[in-house]
Amino acid sequence: MRRDELFRLAQRSVWLARTGWTSFYCSMMFRSESSVLWRYDSNCMFPANSAAKQLEAPLRAITSTEFGEQIKWSGSNAVIFSNWTVLHGRCAAPEAEGERIVERIYVR
């Protein structure tokens, strides 16, 4: 699928976001101050209209774990990353892992 087709689908797509506490419909595109930003998390966003359904497979291919970096945890280590840069690029949690806790801090 061509980049312009993906962009048009992304603009029209509607997703059902399911968190541990609530569910809500959202767009991939949102504004923050004067910027247009994009969000996509395959672990909690599910296609809710035809544009999103057409976009789901290409997005999963683009955001596959082969392009990510897995963090091997040991001891009491911590990792700090820019959420805007990483933008929910984590892979699915392994079944034996249990609960994931991601804490955030905003730095100007």
PDB file of N, CA and C in Angstrom:
ATOM      1  N   MET A   1       0.848  -1.179   0.000  1.00  0.00           N
ATOM      2  CA  MET A   1       0.000   0.000   0.000  1.00  0.00           C
ATOM      3  C   MET A   1       0.893   1.242   0.000  1.00  0.00           C
ATOM      4  N   ARG A   2       0.548   2.214  -0.832  1.00  0.00           N
ATOM      5  CA  ARG A   2       1.352   3.431  -0.951  1.00  0.00           C
ATOM      6  C   ARG A   2       1.209   4.299   0.299  1.00  0.00           C
ATOM      7  N   ARG A   3       2.222   5.119   0.518  1.00  0.00           N
ATOM      8  CA  ARG A   3       2.256   5.981   1.701  1.00  0.00           C
ATOM      9  C   ARG A   3       1.057   6.933   1.754  1.00  0.00           C
ATOM     10  N   ASP A   4       0.672   7.525   0.611  1.00  0.00           N
ATOM     11  CA  ASP A   4      -0.461   8.451   0.610  1.00  0.00           C
ATOM     12  C   ASP A   4      -1.772   7.731   0.937  1.00  0.00           C
ATOM     13  N   GLU A   5      -1.902   6.466   0.510  1.00  0.00           N
ATOM     14  CA  GLU A   5      -3.098   5.677   0.848  1.00  0.00           C
ATOM     15  C   GLU A   5      -3.140   5.391   2.351  1.00  0.00           C
ATOM     16  N   LEU A   6      -1.992   5.040   2.914  1.00  0.00           N
ATOM     17  CA  LEU A   6      -1.911   4.806   4.358  1.00  0.00           C
ATOM     18  C   LEU A   6      -2.291   6.056   5.133  1.00  0.00           C
ATOM     19  N   PHE A   7      -1.793   7.199   4.680  1.00  0.00           N
ATOM     20  CA  PHE A   7      -2.080   8.470   5.354  1.00  0.00           C
ATOM     21  C   PHE A   7      -3.578   8.780   5.320  1.00  0.00           C
ATOM     22  N   ARG A   8      -4.217   8.597   4.171  1.00  0.00           N
ATOM     23  CA  ARG A   8      -5.665   8.855   4.057  1.00  0.00           C
ATOM     24  C   ARG A   8      -6.459   7.915   4.970  1.00  0.00           C
ATOM     25  N   LEU A   9      -6.075   6.649   4.995  1.00  0.00           N
ATOM     26  CA  LEU A   9      -6.749   5.702   5.887  1.00  0.00           C
ATOM     27  C   LEU A   9      -6.551   6.094   7.344  1.00  0.00           C
ATOM     28  N   ALA A  10      -5.342   6.490   7.691  1.00  0.00           N
ATOM     29  CA  ALA A  10      -5.056   6.892   9.073  1.00  0.00           C
ATOM     30  C   ALA A  10      -5.903   8.098   9.480  1.00  0.00           C
ATOM     31  N   GLN A  11      -6.068   9.035   8.577  1.00  0.00           N
ATOM     32  CA  GLN A  11      -6.892  10.218   8.880  1.00  0.00           C
ATOM     33  C   GLN A  11      -8.352   9.841   9.129  1.00  0.00           C
ATOM     34  N   ARG A  12      -8.858   8.843   8.424  1.00  0.00           N
ATOM     35  CA  ARG A  12     -10.271   8.449   8.530  1.00  0.00           C
ATOM     36  C   ARG A  12     -10.513   7.361   9.566  1.00  0.00           C
ATOM     37  N   SER A  13      -9.456   6.762  10.068  1.00  0.00           N
ATOM     38  CA  SER A  13      -9.625   5.600  10.948  1.00  0.00           C
ATOM     39  C   SER A  13     -10.164   5.982  12.327  1.00  0.00           C
ATOM     40  N   VAL A  14     -10.999   5.095  12.863  1.00  0.00           N
ATOM     41  CA  VAL A  14     -11.529   5.218  14.220  1.00  0.00           C
ATOM     42  C   VAL A  14     -11.147   3.944  14.956  1.00  0.00           C
ATOM     43  N   TRP A  15     -10.652   4.104  16.176  1.00  0.00           N
ATOM     44  CA  TRP A  15     -10.138   2.984  16.958  1.00  0.00           C
ATOM     45  C   TRP A  15     -10.841   2.928  18.308  1.00  0.00           C
ATOM     46  N   LEU A  16     -11.028   1.717  18.820  1.00  0.00           N
ATOM     47  CA  LEU A  16     -11.523   1.529  20.175  1.00  0.00           C
ATOM     48  C   LEU A  16     -10.302   1.268  21.047  1.00  0.00           C
ATOM     49  N   ALA A  17     -10.037   2.189  21.953  1.00  0.00           N
ATOM     50  CA  ALA A  17      -8.914   2.043  22.879  1.00  0.00           C
ATOM     51  C   ALA A  17      -9.446   1.422  24.170  1.00  0.00           C
ATOM     52  N   ARG A  18      -8.841   0.322  24.572  1.00  0.00           N
ATOM     53  CA  ARG A  18      -9.241  -0.373  25.802  1.00  0.00           C
ATOM     54  C   ARG A  18      -8.080  -0.336  26.778  1.00  0.00           C
ATOM     55  N   THR A  19      -8.297   0.322  27.894  1.00  0.00           N
ATOM     56  CA  THR A  19      -7.290   0.340  28.953  1.00  0.00           C
ATOM     57  C   THR A  19      -7.807  -0.547  30.078  1.00  0.00           C
ATOM     58  N   GLY A  20      -7.037  -0.686  31.123  1.00  0.00           N
ATOM     59  CA  GLY A  20      -7.483  -1.486  32.257  1.00  0.00           C
ATOM     60  C   GLY A  20      -8.676  -0.891  32.966  1.00  0.00           C
ATOM     61  N   TRP A  21      -8.915   0.413  32.750  1.00  0.00           N
ATOM     62  CA  TRP A  21      -9.959   1.106  33.499  1.00  0.00           C
ATOM     63  C   TRP A  21     -11.145   1.514  32.648  1.00  0.00           C
ATOM     64  N   THR A  22     -10.932   1.759  31.377  1.00  0.00           N
ATOM     65  CA  THR A  22     -12.005   2.300  30.548  1.00  0.00           C
ATOM     66  C   THR A  22     -11.792   1.945  29.077  1.00  0.00           C
ATOM     67  N   SER A  23     -12.802   2.168  28.281  1.00  0.00           N
ATOM     68  CA  SER A  23     -12.712   2.031  26.827  1.00  0.00           C
ATOM     69  C   SER A  23     -13.250   3.313  26.198  1.00  0.00           C
ATOM     70  N   PHE A  24     -12.659   3.726  25.096  1.00  0.00           N
ATOM     71  CA  PHE A  24     -13.118   4.935  24.417  1.00  0.00           C
ATOM     72  C   PHE A  24     -12.712   4.875  22.951  1.00  0.00           C
ATOM     73  N   TYR A  25     -13.436   5.605  22.123  1.00  0.00           N
ATOM     74  CA  TYR A  25     -13.124   5.704  20.703  1.00  0.00           C
ATOM     75  C   TYR A  25     -12.163   6.861  20.493  1.00  0.00           C
ATOM     76  N   CYS A  26     -11.224   6.671  19.565  1.00  0.00           N
ATOM     77  CA  CYS A  26     -10.240   7.723  19.325  1.00  0.00           C
ATOM     78  C   CYS A  26      -9.765   7.668  17.874  1.00  0.00           C
ATOM     79  N   SER A  27      -9.108   8.712  17.488  1.00  0.00           N
ATOM     80  CA  SER A  27      -8.446   8.809  16.197  1.00  0.00           C
ATOM     81  C   SER A  27      -6.966   8.552  16.427  1.00  0.00           C
ATOM     82  N   MET A  28      -6.251   8.218  15.385  1.00  0.00           N
ATOM     83  CA  MET A  28      -4.801   8.106  15.501  1.00  0.00           C
ATOM     84  C   MET A  28      -4.171   9.492  15.557  1.00  0.00           C
ATOM     85  N   MET A  29      -4.828  10.458  14.961  1.00  0.00           N
ATOM     86  CA  MET A  29      -4.290  11.805  14.847  1.00  0.00           C
ATOM     87  C   MET A  29      -4.825  12.678  15.977  1.00  0.00           C
ATOM     88  N   PHE A  30      -3.960  13.464  16.606  1.00  0.00           N
ATOM     89  CA  PHE A  30      -4.397  14.418  17.617  1.00  0.00           C
ATOM     90  C   PHE A  30      -3.467  15.625  17.591  1.00  0.00           C
ATOM     91  N   ARG A  31      -3.895  16.677  18.210  1.00  0.00           N
ATOM     92  CA  ARG A  31      -3.110  17.917  18.224  1.00  0.00           C
ATOM     93  C   ARG A  31      -2.585  18.188  19.627  1.00  0.00           C
ATOM     94  N   SER A  32      -1.371  18.699  19.674  1.00  0.00           N
ATOM     95  CA  SER A  32      -0.763  19.138  20.918  1.00  0.00           C
ATOM     96  C   SER A  32      -0.124  20.486  20.616  1.00  0.00           C
ATOM     97  N   GLU A  33      -0.686  21.520  21.204  1.00  0.00           N
ATOM     98  CA  GLU A  33      -0.280  22.887  20.893  1.00  0.00           C
ATOM     99  C   GLU A  33      -0.413  23.109  19.393  1.00  0.00           C
ATOM    100  N   SER A  34       0.671  23.378  18.693  1.00  0.00           N
ATOM    101  CA  SER A  34       0.574  23.645  17.252  1.00  0.00           C
ATOM    102  C   SER A  34       1.001  22.455  16.397  1.00  0.00           C
ATOM    103  N   SER A  35       1.225  21.303  17.014  1.00  0.00           N
ATOM    104  CA  SER A  35       1.697  20.124  16.282  1.00  0.00           C
ATOM    105  C   SER A  35       0.589  19.108  16.058  1.00  0.00           C
ATOM    106  N   VAL A  36       0.660  18.413  14.941  1.00  0.00           N
ATOM    107  CA  VAL A  36      -0.210  17.263  14.681  1.00  0.00           C
ATOM    108  C   VAL A  36       0.617  16.030  15.014  1.00  0.00           C
ATOM    109  N   LEU A  37       0.087  15.188  15.885  1.00  0.00           N
ATOM    110  CA  LEU A  37       0.802  14.008  16.348  1.00  0.00           C
ATOM    111  C   LEU A  37      -0.024  12.759  16.059  1.00  0.00           C
ATOM    112  N   TRP A  38       0.623  11.611  16.113  1.00  0.00           N
ATOM    113  CA  TRP A  38      -0.031  10.342  15.806  1.00  0.00           C
ATOM    114  C   TRP A  38       0.178   9.376  16.950  1.00  0.00           C
ATOM    115  N   ARG A  39      -0.825   8.508  17.171  1.00  0.00           N
ATOM    116  CA  ARG A  39      -0.705   7.472  18.192  1.00  0.00           C
ATOM    117  C   ARG A  39      -1.191   6.152  17.600  1.00  0.00           C
ATOM    118  N   TYR A  40      -0.530   5.083  18.014  1.00  0.00           N
ATOM    119  CA  TYR A  40      -0.981   3.743  17.656  1.00  0.00           C
ATOM    120  C   TYR A  40      -0.329   2.757  18.619  1.00  0.00           C
ATOM    121  N   ASP A  41      -1.131   1.946  19.262  1.00  0.00           N
ATOM    122  CA  ASP A  41      -0.639   0.911  20.162  1.00  0.00           C
ATOM    123  C   ASP A  41      -1.450  -0.346  19.893  1.00  0.00           C
ATOM    124  N   SER A  42      -0.832  -1.324  19.248  1.00  0.00           N
ATOM    125  CA  SER A  42      -1.540  -2.542  18.861  1.00  0.00           C
ATOM    126  C   SER A  42      -2.001  -3.365  20.055  1.00  0.00           C
ATOM    127  N   ASN A  43      -1.455  -3.076  21.231  1.00  0.00           N
ATOM    128  CA  ASN A  43      -1.849  -3.812  22.432  1.00  0.00           C
ATOM    129  C   ASN A  43      -3.166  -3.322  23.021  1.00  0.00           C
ATOM    130  N   CYS A  44      -3.578  -2.095  22.694  1.00  0.00           N
ATOM    131  CA  CYS A  44      -4.811  -1.586  23.303  1.00  0.00           C
ATOM    132  C   CYS A  44      -5.726  -0.855  22.321  1.00  0.00           C
ATOM    133  N   MET A  45      -5.325  -0.680  21.066  1.00  0.00           N
ATOM    134  CA  MET A  45      -6.171  -0.009  20.073  1.00  0.00           C
ATOM    135  C   MET A  45      -6.680  -1.033  19.067  1.00  0.00           C
ATOM    136  N   PHE A  46      -8.010  -1.073  18.898  1.00  0.00           N
ATOM    137  CA  PHE A  46      -8.639  -2.054  18.021  1.00  0.00           C
ATOM    138  C   PHE A  46      -9.472  -1.327  16.966  1.00  0.00           C
ATOM    139  N   PRO A  47      -9.410  -1.769  15.704  1.00  0.00           N
ATOM    140  CA  PRO A  47     -10.110  -1.060  14.621  1.00  0.00           C
ATOM    141  C   PRO A  47     -11.622  -1.040  14.847  1.00  0.00           C
ATOM    142  N   ALA A  48     -12.217   0.153  14.651  1.00  0.00           N
ATOM    143  CA  ALA A  48     -13.658   0.307  14.872  1.00  0.00           C
ATOM    144  C   ALA A  48     -14.412   0.714  13.616  1.00  0.00           C
ATOM    145  N   ASN A  49     -13.704   1.028  12.525  1.00  0.00           N
ATOM    146  CA  ASN A  49     -14.388   1.321  11.261  1.00  0.00           C
ATOM    147  C   ASN A  49     -13.596   0.688  10.108  1.00  0.00           C
ATOM    148  N   SER A  50     -14.114   0.783   8.905  1.00  0.00           N
ATOM    149  CA  SER A  50     -13.483   0.098   7.774  1.00  0.00           C
ATOM    150  C   SER A  50     -12.082   0.636   7.469  1.00  0.00           C
ATOM    151  N   ALA A  51     -11.871   1.936   7.628  1.00  0.00           N
ATOM    152  CA  ALA A  51     -10.540   2.505   7.374  1.00  0.00           C
ATOM    153  C   ALA A  51      -9.520   1.919   8.343  1.00  0.00           C
ATOM    154  N   ALA A  52      -9.887   1.802   9.608  1.00  0.00           N
ATOM    155  CA  ALA A  52      -8.974   1.230  10.603  1.00  0.00           C
ATOM    156  C   ALA A  52      -8.720  -0.245  10.324  1.00  0.00           C
ATOM    157  N   LYS A  53      -9.757  -0.961   9.888  1.00  0.00           N
ATOM    158  CA  LYS A  53      -9.589  -2.385   9.581  1.00  0.00           C
ATOM    159  C   LYS A  53      -8.630  -2.578   8.406  1.00  0.00           C
ATOM    160  N   GLN A  54      -8.693  -1.701   7.408  1.00  0.00           N
ATOM    161  CA  GLN A  54      -7.779  -1.789   6.264  1.00  0.00           C
ATOM    162  C   GLN A  54      -6.352  -1.423   6.671  1.00  0.00           C
ATOM    163  N   LEU A  55      -6.236  -0.563   7.652  1.00  0.00           N
ATOM    164  CA  LEU A  55      -4.944  -0.050   8.091  1.00  0.00           C
ATOM    165  C   LEU A  55      -4.245  -0.971   9.088  1.00  0.00           C
ATOM    166  N   GLU A  56      -5.003  -1.832   9.762  1.00  0.00           N
ATOM    167  CA  GLU A  56      -4.439  -2.629  10.850  1.00  0.00           C
ATOM    168  C   GLU A  56      -3.260  -3.498  10.413  1.00  0.00           C
ATOM    169  N   ALA A  57      -3.386  -4.288   9.354  1.00  0.00           N
ATOM    170  CA  ALA A  57      -2.296  -5.173   8.926  1.00  0.00           C
ATOM    171  C   ALA A  57      -1.040  -4.388   8.519  1.00  0.00           C
ATOM    172  N   PRO A  58      -1.167  -3.332   7.691  1.00  0.00           N
ATOM    173  CA  PRO A  58       0.046  -2.563   7.372  1.00  0.00           C
ATOM    174  C   PRO A  58       0.697  -1.935   8.608  1.00  0.00           C
ATOM    175  N   LEU A  59      -0.109  -1.460   9.555  1.00  0.00           N
ATOM    176  CA  LEU A  59       0.457  -0.870  10.779  1.00  0.00           C
ATOM    177  C   LEU A  59       1.200  -1.914  11.601  1.00  0.00           C
ATOM    178  N   ARG A  60       0.614  -3.090  11.716  1.00  0.00           N
ATOM    179  CA  ARG A  60       1.284  -4.160  12.480  1.00  0.00           C
ATOM    180  C   ARG A  60       2.616  -4.526  11.812  1.00  0.00           C
ATOM    181  N   ALA A  61       2.655  -4.539  10.491  1.00  0.00           N
ATOM    182  CA  ALA A  61       3.904  -4.848   9.780  1.00  0.00           C
ATOM    183  C   ALA A  61       4.945  -3.755  10.013  1.00  0.00           C
ATOM    184  N   ILE A  62       4.504  -2.508   9.955  1.00  0.00           N
ATOM    185  CA  ILE A  62       5.420  -1.378  10.143  1.00  0.00           C
ATOM    186  C   ILE A  62       5.968  -1.343  11.564  1.00  0.00           C
ATOM    187  N   THR A  63       5.127  -1.656  12.536  1.00  0.00           N
ATOM    188  CA  THR A  63       5.520  -1.541  13.942  1.00  0.00           C
ATOM    189  C   THR A  63       5.915  -2.883  14.554  1.00  0.00           C
ATOM    190  N   SER A  64       6.250  -3.857  13.719  1.00  0.00           N
ATOM    191  CA  SER A  64       6.591  -5.182  14.237  1.00  0.00           C
ATOM    192  C   SER A  64       7.803  -5.118  15.155  1.00  0.00           C
ATOM    193  N   THR A  65       7.907  -6.099  16.008  1.00  0.00           N
ATOM    194  CA  THR A  65       8.986  -6.114  17.000  1.00  0.00           C
ATOM    195  C   THR A  65      10.366  -6.250  16.391  1.00  0.00           C
ATOM    196  N   GLU A  66      10.465  -6.659  15.137  1.00  0.00           N
ATOM    197  CA  GLU A  66      11.794  -6.788  14.543  1.00  0.00           C
ATOM    198  C   GLU A  66      12.498  -5.440  14.438  1.00  0.00           C
ATOM    199  N   PHE A  67      11.748  -4.335  14.514  1.00  0.00           N
ATOM    200  CA  PHE A  67      12.358  -3.014  14.448  1.00  0.00           C
ATOM    201  C   PHE A  67      12.575  -2.427  15.828  1.00  0.00           C
ATOM    202  N   GLY A  68      12.055  -3.082  16.851  1.00  0.00           N
ATOM    203  CA  GLY A  68      12.156  -2.567  18.212  1.00  0.00           C
ATOM    204  C   GLY A  68      13.361  -3.132  18.936  1.00  0.00           C
ATOM    205  N   GLU A  69      13.506  -2.694  20.152  1.00  0.00           N
ATOM    206  CA  GLU A  69      14.577  -3.194  20.990  1.00  0.00           C
ATOM    207  C   GLU A  69      13.955  -3.680  22.287  1.00  0.00           C
ATOM    208  N   GLN A  70      14.206  -4.925  22.634  1.00  0.00           N
ATOM    209  CA  GLN A  70      13.662  -5.486  23.859  1.00  0.00           C
ATOM    210  C   GLN A  70      14.620  -5.185  25.002  1.00  0.00           C
ATOM    211  N   ILE A  71      14.076  -4.802  26.147  1.00  0.00           N
ATOM    212  CA  ILE A  71      14.889  -4.483  27.318  1.00  0.00           C
ATOM    213  C   ILE A  71      14.928  -5.707  28.218  1.00  0.00           C
ATOM    214  N   LYS A  72      16.118  -6.168  28.540  1.00  0.00           N
ATOM    215  CA  LYS A  72      16.305  -7.296  29.451  1.00  0.00           C
ATOM    216  C   LYS A  72      16.466  -6.739  30.865  1.00  0.00           C
ATOM    217  N   TRP A  73      15.480  -6.986  31.699  1.00  0.00           N
ATOM    218  CA  TRP A  73      15.487  -6.444  33.057  1.00  0.00           C
ATOM    219  C   TRP A  73      16.284  -7.341  33.996  1.00  0.00           C
ATOM    220  N   SER A  74      17.017  -6.725  34.923  1.00  0.00           N
ATOM    221  CA  SER A  74      17.702  -7.469  35.979  1.00  0.00           C
ATOM    222  C   SER A  74      17.853  -6.545  37.180  1.00  0.00           C
ATOM    223  N   GLY A  75      17.663  -7.092  38.352  1.00  0.00           N
ATOM    224  CA  GLY A  75      17.827  -6.299  39.566  1.00  0.00           C
ATOM    225  C   GLY A  75      16.844  -5.157  39.652  1.00  0.00           C
ATOM    226  N   SER A  76      17.312  -4.045  40.153  1.00  0.00           N
ATOM    227  CA  SER A  76      16.464  -2.857  40.352  1.00  0.00           C
ATOM    228  C   SER A  76      16.796  -1.770  39.343  1.00  0.00           C
ATOM    229  N   ASN A  77      16.922  -2.126  38.092  1.00  0.00           N
ATOM    230  CA  ASN A  77      17.264  -1.165  37.043  1.00  0.00           C
ATOM    231  C   ASN A  77      16.047  -0.349  36.640  1.00  0.00           C
ATOM    232  N   ALA A  78      16.282   0.765  36.002  1.00  0.00           N
ATOM    233  CA  ALA A  78      15.225   1.611  35.451  1.00  0.00           C
ATOM    234  C   ALA A  78      15.647   2.042  34.059  1.00  0.00           C
ATOM    235  N   VAL A  79      14.676   2.359  33.234  1.00  0.00           N
ATOM    236  CA  VAL A  79      14.960   2.878  31.908  1.00  0.00           C
ATOM    237  C   VAL A  79      14.151   4.156  31.724  1.00  0.00           C
ATOM    238  N   ILE A  80      14.748   5.145  31.109  1.00  0.00           N
ATOM    239  CA  ILE A  80      14.071   6.407  30.810  1.00  0.00           C
ATOM    240  C   ILE A  80      14.101   6.570  29.302  1.00  0.00           C
ATOM    241  N   PHE A  81      12.924   6.832  28.712  1.00  0.00           N
ATOM    242  CA  PHE A  81      12.855   7.002  27.269  1.00  0.00           C
ATOM    243  C   PHE A  81      11.840   8.092  26.942  1.00  0.00           C
ATOM    244  N   SER A  82      11.965   8.636  25.767  1.00  0.00           N
ATOM    245  CA  SER A  82      11.032   9.648  25.293  1.00  0.00           C
ATOM    246  C   SER A  82       9.815   8.960  24.693  1.00  0.00           C
ATOM    247  N   ASN A  83       8.661   9.113  25.324  1.00  0.00           N
ATOM    248  CA  ASN A  83       7.447   8.486  24.826  1.00  0.00           C
ATOM    249  C   ASN A  83       7.087   9.021  23.438  1.00  0.00           C
ATOM    250  N   TRP A  84       7.357  10.294  23.158  1.00  0.00           N
ATOM    251  CA  TRP A  84       7.056  10.857  21.846  1.00  0.00           C
ATOM    252  C   TRP A  84       7.905  10.203  20.776  1.00  0.00           C
ATOM    253  N   THR A  85       9.149   9.825  21.131  1.00  0.00           N
ATOM    254  CA  THR A  85      10.022   9.152  20.178  1.00  0.00           C
ATOM    255  C   THR A  85       9.630   7.686  20.031  1.00  0.00           C
ATOM    256  N   VAL A  86       9.410   7.028  21.129  1.00  0.00           N
ATOM    257  CA  VAL A  86       9.099   5.601  21.125  1.00  0.00           C
ATOM    258  C   VAL A  86       7.634   5.360  20.758  1.00  0.00           C
ATOM    259  N   LEU A  87       6.747   6.214  21.232  1.00  0.00           N
ATOM    260  CA  LEU A  87       5.305   6.184  20.962  1.00  0.00           C
ATOM    261  C   LEU A  87       4.705   4.786  20.985  1.00  0.00           C
ATOM    262  N   HIS A  88       4.729   4.185  22.145  1.00  0.00           N
ATOM    263  CA  HIS A  88       4.052   2.911  22.379  1.00  0.00           C
ATOM    264  C   HIS A  88       4.569   1.784  21.483  1.00  0.00           C
ATOM    265  N   GLY A  89       5.848   1.741  21.236  1.00  0.00           N
ATOM    266  CA  GLY A  89       6.410   0.729  20.352  1.00  0.00           C
ATOM    267  C   GLY A  89       6.761  -0.570  21.047  1.00  0.00           C
ATOM    268  N   ARG A  90       6.132  -0.864  22.160  1.00  0.00           N
ATOM    269  CA  ARG A  90       6.473  -2.084  22.890  1.00  0.00           C
ATOM    270  C   ARG A  90       5.779  -3.297  22.280  1.00  0.00           C
ATOM    271  N   CYS A  91       6.396  -4.431  22.466  1.00  0.00           N
ATOM    272  CA  CYS A  91       5.790  -5.671  21.984  1.00  0.00           C
ATOM    273  C   CYS A  91       4.769  -6.152  23.011  1.00  0.00           C
ATOM    274  N   ALA A  92       4.026  -7.158  22.658  1.00  0.00           N
ATOM    275  CA  ALA A  92       3.054  -7.730  23.580  1.00  0.00           C
ATOM    276  C   ALA A  92       3.783  -8.315  24.783  1.00  0.00           C
ATOM    277  N   ALA A  93       3.141  -8.253  25.940  1.00  0.00           N
ATOM    278  CA  ALA A  93       3.749  -8.783  27.160  1.00  0.00           C
ATOM    279  C   ALA A  93       3.795 -10.305  27.099  1.00  0.00           C
ATOM    280  N   PRO A  94       4.933 -10.902  27.454  1.00  0.00           N
ATOM    281  CA  PRO A  94       4.987 -12.362  27.524  1.00  0.00           C
ATOM    282  C   PRO A  94       3.971 -12.871  28.551  1.00  0.00           C
ATOM    283  N   GLU A  95       3.382 -14.035  28.298  1.00  0.00           N
ATOM    284  CA  GLU A  95       2.322 -14.546  29.172  1.00  0.00           C
ATOM    285  C   GLU A  95       2.766 -14.698  30.613  1.00  0.00           C
ATOM    286  N   ALA A  96       3.980 -15.120  30.860  1.00  0.00           N
ATOM    287  CA  ALA A  96       4.457 -15.358  32.219  1.00  0.00           C
ATOM    288  C   ALA A  96       4.924 -14.084  32.921  1.00  0.00           C
ATOM    289  N   GLU A  97       4.910 -12.951  32.207  1.00  0.00           N
ATOM    290  CA  GLU A  97       5.457 -11.721  32.775  1.00  0.00           C
ATOM    291  C   GLU A  97       4.616 -11.149  33.904  1.00  0.00           C
ATOM    292  N   GLY A  98       3.298 -11.269  33.809  1.00  0.00           N
ATOM    293  CA  GLY A  98       2.451 -10.653  34.822  1.00  0.00           C
ATOM    294  C   GLY A  98       2.128  -9.222  34.447  1.00  0.00           C
ATOM    295  N   GLU A  99       2.063  -8.366  35.424  1.00  0.00           N
ATOM    296  CA  GLU A  99       1.653  -6.978  35.198  1.00  0.00           C
ATOM    297  C   GLU A  99       2.836  -6.112  34.802  1.00  0.00           C
ATOM    298  N   ARG A 100       2.624  -5.249  33.819  1.00  0.00           N
ATOM    299  CA  ARG A 100       3.629  -4.256  33.430  1.00  0.00           C
ATOM    300  C   ARG A 100       3.268  -2.937  34.089  1.00  0.00           C
ATOM    301  N   ILE A 101       4.263  -2.250  34.585  1.00  0.00           N
ATOM    302  CA  ILE A 101       4.038  -0.925  35.147  1.00  0.00           C
ATOM    303  C   ILE A 101       4.935   0.047  34.392  1.00  0.00           C
ATOM    304  N   VAL A 102       4.324   0.991  33.719  1.00  0.00           N
ATOM    305  CA  VAL A 102       5.064   2.025  33.012  1.00  0.00           C
ATOM    306  C   VAL A 102       4.727   3.335  33.692  1.00  0.00           C
ATOM    307  N   GLU A 103       5.732   3.998  34.237  1.00  0.00           N
ATOM    308  CA  GLU A 103       5.522   5.277  34.902  1.00  0.00           C
ATOM    309  C   GLU A 103       6.076   6.370  34.007  1.00  0.00           C
ATOM    310  N   ARG A 104       5.473   7.545  34.073  1.00  0.00           N
ATOM    311  CA  ARG A 104       5.946   8.620  33.217  1.00  0.00           C
ATOM    312  C   ARG A 104       6.232   9.885  34.008  1.00  0.00           C
ATOM    313  N   ILE A 105       7.105  10.683  33.433  1.00  0.00           N
ATOM    314  CA  ILE A 105       7.418  11.986  33.979  1.00  0.00           C
ATOM    315  C   ILE A 105       7.574  12.932  32.803  1.00  0.00           C
ATOM    316  N   TYR A 106       7.071  14.143  32.921  1.00  0.00           N
ATOM    317  CA  TYR A 106       7.214  15.135  31.857  1.00  0.00           C
ATOM    318  C   TYR A 106       8.363  16.055  32.187  1.00  0.00           C
ATOM    319  N   VAL A 107       9.254  16.260  31.230  1.00  0.00           N
ATOM    320  CA  VAL A 107      10.435  17.099  31.422  1.00  0.00           C
ATOM    321  C   VAL A 107      10.415  18.167  30.345  1.00  0.00           C
ATOM    322  N   ARG A 108      10.554  19.401  30.713  1.00  0.00           N
ATOM    323  CA  ARG A 108      10.629  20.495  29.751  1.00  0.00           C
ATOM    324  C   ARG A 108      12.048  20.943  29.564  1.00  0.00           C
TER     325      ARG A 108
END
